[in-house]
Amino acid sequence: TEEAEAISTALNALGDPCRQLLLLYYWEELSMDEIAMRMGFANADTVKSKKYQCKKTLERMLKGFE
């Protein structure tokens, strides 16, 4: 669908580590602790903060595709 294509395009434009973090959280449904270990973040709180920043960036990008 058009929405899925826009999300895919925005995720690719987002780049790492945001793309990886969001995929691990939303698609692989890993916990914040698991993501912290896998990506080398200090702790789950750091992951939570970074996820928030990445999600906001993705939302801004998607508004540009509308």
C-alpha atoms as a PDB file:
ATOM      1  CA  THR A   1       0.000   0.000   0.000  1.00  0.00           C
ATOM      2  CA  GLU A   2       0.958   3.631  -0.289  1.00  0.00           C
ATOM      3  CA  GLU A   3       1.283   4.034   3.486  1.00  0.00           C
ATOM      4  CA  ALA A   4       3.605   1.022   3.813  1.00  0.00           C
ATOM      5  CA  GLU A   5       5.747   2.348   0.970  1.00  0.00           C
ATOM      6  CA  ALA A   6       6.028   5.764   2.644  1.00  0.00           C
ATOM      7  CA  ILE A   7       7.051   4.146   5.945  1.00  0.00           C
ATOM      8  CA  SER A   8       9.632   1.963   4.202  1.00  0.00           C
ATOM      9  CA  THR A   9      11.081   4.952   2.342  1.00  0.00           C
ATOM     10  CA  ALA A  10      11.233   7.035   5.517  1.00  0.00           C
ATOM     11  CA  LEU A  11      12.882   4.205   7.484  1.00  0.00           C
ATOM     12  CA  ASN A  12      15.537   3.821   4.806  1.00  0.00           C
ATOM     13  CA  ALA A  13      16.168   7.571   4.794  1.00  0.00           C
ATOM     14  CA  LEU A  14      16.321   7.582   8.603  1.00  0.00           C
ATOM     15  CA  GLY A  15      19.554   5.608   8.642  1.00  0.00           C
ATOM     16  CA  ASP A  16      21.210   3.668  11.444  1.00  0.00           C
ATOM     17  CA  PRO A  17      21.033   3.420  14.425  1.00  0.00           C
ATOM     18  CA  CYS A  18      17.451   4.745  14.370  1.00  0.00           C
ATOM     19  CA  ARG A  19      16.270   2.336  11.690  1.00  0.00           C
ATOM     20  CA  GLN A  20      17.774  -0.638  13.516  1.00  0.00           C
ATOM     21  CA  LEU A  21      16.420   0.436  16.896  1.00  0.00           C
ATOM     22  CA  LEU A  22      12.866   0.931  15.607  1.00  0.00           C
ATOM     23  CA  LEU A  23      12.911  -2.373  13.716  1.00  0.00           C
ATOM     24  CA  LEU A  24      14.150  -4.251  16.774  1.00  0.00           C
ATOM     25  CA  TYR A  25      11.462  -2.686  18.947  1.00  0.00           C
ATOM     26  CA  TYR A  26       8.411  -2.718  16.669  1.00  0.00           C
ATOM     27  CA  TRP A  27       9.045  -5.664  14.330  1.00  0.00           C
ATOM     28  CA  GLU A  28      11.134  -8.041  16.439  1.00  0.00           C
ATOM     29  CA  GLU A  29       9.375  -6.888  19.629  1.00  0.00           C
ATOM     30  CA  LEU A  30      12.554  -6.957  21.723  1.00  0.00           C
ATOM     31  CA  SER A  31      12.597  -5.384  25.173  1.00  0.00           C
ATOM     32  CA  MET A  32      14.507  -2.189  25.898  1.00  0.00           C
ATOM     33  CA  ASP A  33      17.095  -4.244  27.826  1.00  0.00           C
ATOM     34  CA  GLU A  34      17.584  -6.638  24.887  1.00  0.00           C
ATOM     35  CA  ILE A  35      17.994  -3.726  22.482  1.00  0.00           C
ATOM     36  CA  ALA A  36      20.494  -2.045  24.821  1.00  0.00           C
ATOM     37  CA  MET A  37      22.615  -5.201  24.911  1.00  0.00           C
ATOM     38  CA  ARG A  38      22.374  -5.835  21.171  1.00  0.00           C
ATOM     39  CA  MET A  39      23.147  -2.247  20.135  1.00  0.00           C
ATOM     40  CA  GLY A  40      25.661  -1.382  22.852  1.00  0.00           C
ATOM     41  CA  PHE A  41      23.627   1.263  24.680  1.00  0.00           C
ATOM     42  CA  ALA A  42      24.373   1.892  28.360  1.00  0.00           C
ATOM     43  CA  ASN A  43      20.938   0.808  29.595  1.00  0.00           C
ATOM     44  CA  ALA A  44      17.213   0.550  28.819  1.00  0.00           C
ATOM     45  CA  ASP A  45      16.623   4.214  29.699  1.00  0.00           C
ATOM     46  CA  THR A  46      19.111   5.281  27.030  1.00  0.00           C
ATOM     47  CA  VAL A  47      17.284   3.095  24.490  1.00  0.00           C
ATOM     48  CA  LYS A  48      13.936   4.565  25.531  1.00  0.00           C
ATOM     49  CA  SER A  49      15.220   8.113  25.038  1.00  0.00           C
ATOM     50  CA  LYS A  50      16.796   7.301  21.671  1.00  0.00           C
ATOM     51  CA  LYS A  51      13.635   5.485  20.506  1.00  0.00           C
ATOM     52  CA  TYR A  52      11.572   8.569  21.327  1.00  0.00           C
ATOM     53  CA  GLN A  53      13.926  10.813  19.346  1.00  0.00           C
ATOM     54  CA  CYS A  54      13.982   8.409  16.393  1.00  0.00           C
ATOM     55  CA  LYS A  55      10.208   8.007  16.379  1.00  0.00           C
ATOM     56  CA  LYS A  56       9.693  11.775  16.371  1.00  0.00           C
ATOM     57  CA  THR A  57      12.143  12.136  13.479  1.00  0.00           C
ATOM     58  CA  LEU A  58      10.322   9.408  11.550  1.00  0.00           C
ATOM     59  CA  GLU A  59       6.962  11.092  12.181  1.00  0.00           C
ATOM     60  CA  ARG A  60       8.313  14.406  10.845  1.00  0.00           C
ATOM     61  CA  MET A  61       9.640  12.631   7.762  1.00  0.00           C
ATOM     62  CA  LEU A  62       6.299  10.914   7.137  1.00  0.00           C
ATOM     63  CA  LYS A  63       4.472  14.252   7.305  1.00  0.00           C
ATOM     64  CA  GLY A  64       6.713  15.330   4.435  1.00  0.00           C
ATOM     65  CA  PHE A  65       5.454  12.415   2.316  1.00  0.00           C
ATOM     66  CA  GLU A  66       1.780  13.392   2.694  1.00  0.00           C
END
